[in-house]
N, C-alpha and C. Protein backbone atom coordinates (compact mmCIF):
# COMPACT_ATOMS: atom_id res chain seq x y z
N UNK A 1 -91.56 -151.57 -78.04
CA UNK A 1 -92.85 -152.22 -77.88
C UNK A 1 -93.68 -151.44 -76.85
N UNK A 2 -94.90 -151.13 -77.22
CA UNK A 2 -95.80 -150.41 -76.32
C UNK A 2 -96.52 -151.40 -75.42
N UNK A 3 -96.48 -151.14 -74.12
CA UNK A 3 -97.17 -152.00 -73.16
C UNK A 3 -98.59 -151.50 -72.96
N UNK A 4 -99.52 -152.41 -72.90
CA UNK A 4 -100.91 -152.06 -72.64
C UNK A 4 -101.25 -152.30 -71.19
N UNK A 5 -102.52 -152.45 -70.93
CA UNK A 5 -102.98 -152.76 -69.58
C UNK A 5 -102.63 -154.19 -69.22
N UNK A 6 -102.29 -154.43 -67.97
CA UNK A 6 -102.01 -155.80 -67.52
C UNK A 6 -103.31 -156.61 -67.47
N UNK A 7 -104.41 -155.94 -67.16
CA UNK A 7 -105.71 -156.60 -67.11
C UNK A 7 -106.47 -156.30 -68.39
N UNK A 8 -107.30 -157.24 -68.79
CA UNK A 8 -108.08 -157.07 -70.00
C UNK A 8 -109.58 -156.98 -69.71
N UNK A 9 -110.05 -157.70 -68.69
CA UNK A 9 -111.47 -157.77 -68.35
C UNK A 9 -111.60 -158.41 -66.98
N UNK A 10 -112.66 -158.07 -66.24
CA UNK A 10 -112.91 -158.74 -64.97
C UNK A 10 -114.40 -159.00 -64.83
N UNK A 11 -114.73 -160.03 -64.06
CA UNK A 11 -116.11 -160.39 -63.79
C UNK A 11 -116.28 -160.62 -62.30
N UNK A 12 -117.24 -159.92 -61.71
CA UNK A 12 -117.53 -160.00 -60.28
C UNK A 12 -118.77 -160.87 -60.09
N UNK A 13 -118.65 -162.04 -59.48
CA UNK A 13 -119.82 -162.89 -59.28
C UNK A 13 -120.75 -162.30 -58.22
N UNK A 14 -122.05 -162.45 -58.47
CA UNK A 14 -123.06 -161.96 -57.52
C UNK A 14 -124.12 -163.04 -57.32
N UNK A 15 -124.73 -163.04 -56.14
CA UNK A 15 -125.81 -164.00 -55.87
C UNK A 15 -127.18 -163.35 -56.00
N UNK A 16 -127.25 -162.04 -55.87
CA UNK A 16 -128.50 -161.29 -56.03
C UNK A 16 -128.24 -160.20 -57.06
N UNK A 17 -128.52 -160.52 -58.32
CA UNK A 17 -128.16 -159.62 -59.42
C UNK A 17 -128.80 -158.24 -59.27
N UNK A 18 -130.09 -158.19 -59.01
CA UNK A 18 -130.78 -156.91 -58.93
C UNK A 18 -130.23 -156.04 -57.81
N UNK A 19 -129.93 -156.64 -56.68
CA UNK A 19 -129.35 -155.89 -55.55
C UNK A 19 -127.96 -155.35 -55.91
N UNK A 20 -127.11 -156.20 -56.52
CA UNK A 20 -125.77 -155.77 -56.91
C UNK A 20 -125.83 -154.69 -57.97
N UNK A 21 -126.71 -154.84 -58.93
CA UNK A 21 -126.85 -153.84 -60.00
C UNK A 21 -127.25 -152.50 -59.41
N UNK A 22 -128.22 -152.50 -58.50
CA UNK A 22 -128.65 -151.25 -57.87
C UNK A 22 -127.49 -150.62 -57.08
N UNK A 23 -126.70 -151.43 -56.38
CA UNK A 23 -125.56 -150.94 -55.62
C UNK A 23 -124.58 -150.22 -56.54
N UNK A 24 -124.14 -150.88 -57.62
CA UNK A 24 -123.16 -150.27 -58.52
C UNK A 24 -123.74 -149.06 -59.25
N UNK A 25 -125.01 -149.11 -59.63
CA UNK A 25 -125.64 -147.95 -60.27
C UNK A 25 -125.66 -146.76 -59.33
N UNK A 26 -125.89 -147.02 -58.05
CA UNK A 26 -125.94 -145.95 -57.06
C UNK A 26 -124.56 -145.34 -56.82
N UNK A 27 -123.55 -146.17 -56.62
CA UNK A 27 -122.24 -145.60 -56.32
C UNK A 27 -121.58 -144.95 -57.53
N UNK A 28 -121.87 -145.45 -58.74
CA UNK A 28 -121.26 -144.86 -59.94
C UNK A 28 -122.14 -143.81 -60.60
N UNK A 29 -123.43 -143.75 -60.24
CA UNK A 29 -124.32 -142.72 -60.76
C UNK A 29 -124.69 -142.89 -62.23
N UNK A 30 -124.88 -144.13 -62.69
CA UNK A 30 -125.34 -144.36 -64.06
C UNK A 30 -126.16 -145.64 -64.13
N UNK A 31 -126.93 -145.78 -65.21
CA UNK A 31 -127.70 -147.00 -65.45
C UNK A 31 -126.75 -148.04 -66.04
N UNK A 32 -126.65 -149.17 -65.40
CA UNK A 32 -125.76 -150.23 -65.84
C UNK A 32 -126.41 -151.02 -66.98
N UNK A 33 -125.77 -151.05 -68.16
CA UNK A 33 -126.31 -151.88 -69.24
C UNK A 33 -126.31 -153.35 -68.83
N UNK A 34 -127.31 -154.06 -69.30
CA UNK A 34 -127.48 -155.46 -68.89
C UNK A 34 -127.68 -156.33 -70.12
N UNK A 35 -127.20 -157.58 -70.04
CA UNK A 35 -127.36 -158.53 -71.14
C UNK A 35 -127.31 -159.95 -70.58
N UNK A 36 -127.91 -160.87 -71.30
CA UNK A 36 -127.83 -162.29 -70.96
C UNK A 36 -126.97 -162.97 -72.02
N UNK A 37 -125.93 -163.66 -71.56
CA UNK A 37 -125.05 -164.40 -72.47
C UNK A 37 -125.06 -165.85 -72.04
N UNK A 38 -125.72 -166.68 -72.82
CA UNK A 38 -125.89 -168.08 -72.42
C UNK A 38 -126.71 -168.14 -71.15
N UNK A 39 -126.15 -168.74 -70.11
CA UNK A 39 -126.86 -168.85 -68.83
C UNK A 39 -126.41 -167.77 -67.84
N UNK A 40 -125.61 -166.82 -68.30
CA UNK A 40 -125.10 -165.76 -67.42
C UNK A 40 -125.84 -164.45 -67.65
N UNK A 41 -126.30 -163.85 -66.56
CA UNK A 41 -126.89 -162.51 -66.59
C UNK A 41 -125.78 -161.54 -66.19
N UNK A 42 -125.52 -160.55 -67.06
CA UNK A 42 -124.38 -159.66 -66.84
C UNK A 42 -124.82 -158.21 -66.81
N UNK A 43 -124.21 -157.44 -65.91
CA UNK A 43 -124.39 -155.99 -65.84
C UNK A 43 -123.03 -155.36 -66.06
N UNK A 44 -122.92 -154.49 -67.05
CA UNK A 44 -121.61 -153.98 -67.46
C UNK A 44 -121.26 -152.66 -66.79
N UNK A 45 -120.06 -152.62 -66.23
CA UNK A 45 -119.51 -151.39 -65.68
C UNK A 45 -118.99 -150.58 -66.86
N UNK A 46 -119.38 -149.33 -66.95
CA UNK A 46 -119.02 -148.51 -68.11
C UNK A 46 -117.53 -148.21 -68.13
N UNK A 47 -116.96 -148.22 -69.32
CA UNK A 47 -115.54 -147.91 -69.50
C UNK A 47 -115.32 -147.44 -70.94
N UNK A 48 -114.20 -146.83 -71.21
CA UNK A 48 -113.88 -146.27 -72.52
C UNK A 48 -113.07 -147.28 -73.33
N UNK A 49 -113.76 -148.21 -73.99
CA UNK A 49 -113.10 -149.26 -74.76
C UNK A 49 -112.24 -148.70 -75.90
N UNK A 50 -112.73 -147.73 -76.70
CA UNK A 50 -111.92 -147.21 -77.79
C UNK A 50 -110.58 -146.60 -77.33
N UNK A 51 -110.54 -146.10 -76.10
CA UNK A 51 -109.31 -145.51 -75.57
C UNK A 51 -108.41 -146.55 -74.89
N UNK A 52 -108.78 -147.83 -74.99
CA UNK A 52 -107.95 -148.88 -74.42
C UNK A 52 -108.11 -149.08 -72.93
N UNK A 53 -109.20 -148.59 -72.37
CA UNK A 53 -109.44 -148.77 -70.93
C UNK A 53 -109.96 -150.17 -70.64
N UNK A 54 -109.83 -150.60 -69.39
CA UNK A 54 -110.23 -151.94 -68.97
C UNK A 54 -111.64 -151.91 -68.41
N UNK A 55 -112.45 -152.89 -68.78
CA UNK A 55 -113.82 -152.96 -68.29
C UNK A 55 -114.10 -154.25 -67.57
N UNK A 56 -115.34 -154.35 -67.10
CA UNK A 56 -115.75 -155.54 -66.39
C UNK A 56 -117.25 -155.57 -66.20
N UNK A 57 -117.70 -156.59 -65.50
CA UNK A 57 -119.13 -156.78 -65.32
C UNK A 57 -119.42 -157.51 -64.02
N UNK A 58 -120.65 -157.32 -63.53
CA UNK A 58 -121.15 -158.20 -62.48
C UNK A 58 -121.84 -159.35 -63.21
N UNK A 59 -121.74 -160.54 -62.65
CA UNK A 59 -122.27 -161.71 -63.36
C UNK A 59 -123.04 -162.60 -62.40
N UNK A 60 -124.26 -162.98 -62.81
CA UNK A 60 -125.04 -163.95 -62.06
C UNK A 60 -125.13 -165.22 -62.90
N UNK A 61 -124.49 -166.27 -62.43
CA UNK A 61 -124.55 -167.59 -63.04
C UNK A 61 -124.09 -168.58 -61.96
N UNK A 62 -125.01 -169.01 -61.08
CA UNK A 62 -124.62 -169.83 -59.94
C UNK A 62 -123.95 -171.15 -60.30
N UNK A 63 -124.11 -171.62 -61.52
CA UNK A 63 -123.46 -172.87 -61.92
C UNK A 63 -121.97 -172.68 -62.18
N UNK A 64 -121.54 -171.44 -62.43
CA UNK A 64 -120.15 -171.19 -62.78
C UNK A 64 -119.45 -170.24 -61.82
N UNK A 65 -120.18 -169.23 -61.34
CA UNK A 65 -119.58 -168.18 -60.50
C UNK A 65 -120.01 -168.32 -59.05
N UNK A 66 -119.06 -168.20 -58.14
CA UNK A 66 -119.35 -168.22 -56.72
C UNK A 66 -118.65 -167.05 -56.05
N UNK A 67 -119.40 -166.13 -55.45
CA UNK A 67 -118.76 -165.02 -54.74
C UNK A 67 -117.93 -165.52 -53.56
N UNK A 68 -117.03 -164.69 -53.08
CA UNK A 68 -116.20 -164.91 -51.89
C UNK A 68 -115.08 -165.92 -52.09
N UNK A 69 -115.33 -167.20 -51.78
CA UNK A 69 -114.25 -168.19 -51.81
C UNK A 69 -113.53 -168.24 -53.15
N UNK A 70 -114.27 -168.17 -54.23
CA UNK A 70 -113.65 -168.23 -55.56
C UNK A 70 -113.33 -166.85 -56.11
N UNK A 71 -113.93 -165.83 -55.54
CA UNK A 71 -113.61 -164.46 -55.91
C UNK A 71 -113.98 -164.08 -57.33
N UNK A 72 -113.40 -162.98 -57.78
CA UNK A 72 -113.64 -162.46 -59.12
C UNK A 72 -112.80 -163.20 -60.14
N UNK A 73 -113.29 -163.19 -61.38
CA UNK A 73 -112.54 -163.78 -62.48
C UNK A 73 -111.85 -162.64 -63.22
N UNK A 74 -110.53 -162.73 -63.34
CA UNK A 74 -109.75 -161.67 -63.96
C UNK A 74 -109.07 -162.23 -65.20
N UNK A 75 -109.24 -161.52 -66.31
CA UNK A 75 -108.61 -161.91 -67.56
C UNK A 75 -107.39 -161.02 -67.76
N UNK A 76 -106.23 -161.64 -67.95
CA UNK A 76 -105.00 -160.90 -68.16
C UNK A 76 -104.81 -160.61 -69.65
N UNK A 77 -104.17 -159.50 -69.92
CA UNK A 77 -103.87 -159.11 -71.29
C UNK A 77 -102.55 -159.76 -71.69
N UNK A 78 -102.59 -160.67 -72.62
CA UNK A 78 -101.39 -161.40 -73.04
C UNK A 78 -100.96 -160.98 -74.45
N UNK A 79 -101.11 -159.71 -74.76
CA UNK A 79 -100.75 -159.22 -76.09
C UNK A 79 -99.27 -158.93 -76.19
N UNK A 80 -98.61 -159.20 -77.30
CA UNK A 80 -99.27 -159.56 -78.55
C UNK A 80 -99.74 -161.01 -78.59
N UNK A 81 -99.07 -161.94 -77.93
CA UNK A 81 -99.55 -163.32 -77.81
C UNK A 81 -98.66 -164.07 -76.84
N UNK A 82 -98.91 -165.35 -76.68
CA UNK A 82 -98.15 -166.15 -75.71
C UNK A 82 -97.10 -167.04 -76.37
N UNK A 83 -96.81 -166.80 -77.62
CA UNK A 83 -95.83 -167.62 -78.34
C UNK A 83 -94.42 -167.36 -77.82
N UNK A 84 -93.63 -168.43 -77.67
CA UNK A 84 -92.23 -168.33 -77.27
C UNK A 84 -91.44 -167.96 -78.52
N UNK A 85 -90.81 -166.80 -78.51
CA UNK A 85 -90.13 -166.29 -79.70
C UNK A 85 -88.62 -166.40 -79.60
N UNK A 86 -88.11 -167.29 -78.77
CA UNK A 86 -86.66 -167.41 -78.63
C UNK A 86 -86.08 -168.42 -79.58
């Protein structure tokens, strides 16, 4: 069985989206793609999805995301699935 990445996706909560986006664009040296999904404004950190790399985003949605105390939201890779096969 081939093991993949332990992480699948991450989201970094921000309170000032434009400031955070400018910060990450500056340190990584690229324009961060942006999208609105429901009530969340997201800026995507570039990654090589076809090669199986892990990606993430900065997210502004004060009703759901809180920086610091609640930290980042990390999605674990549970492939192939979570079924008990014993």
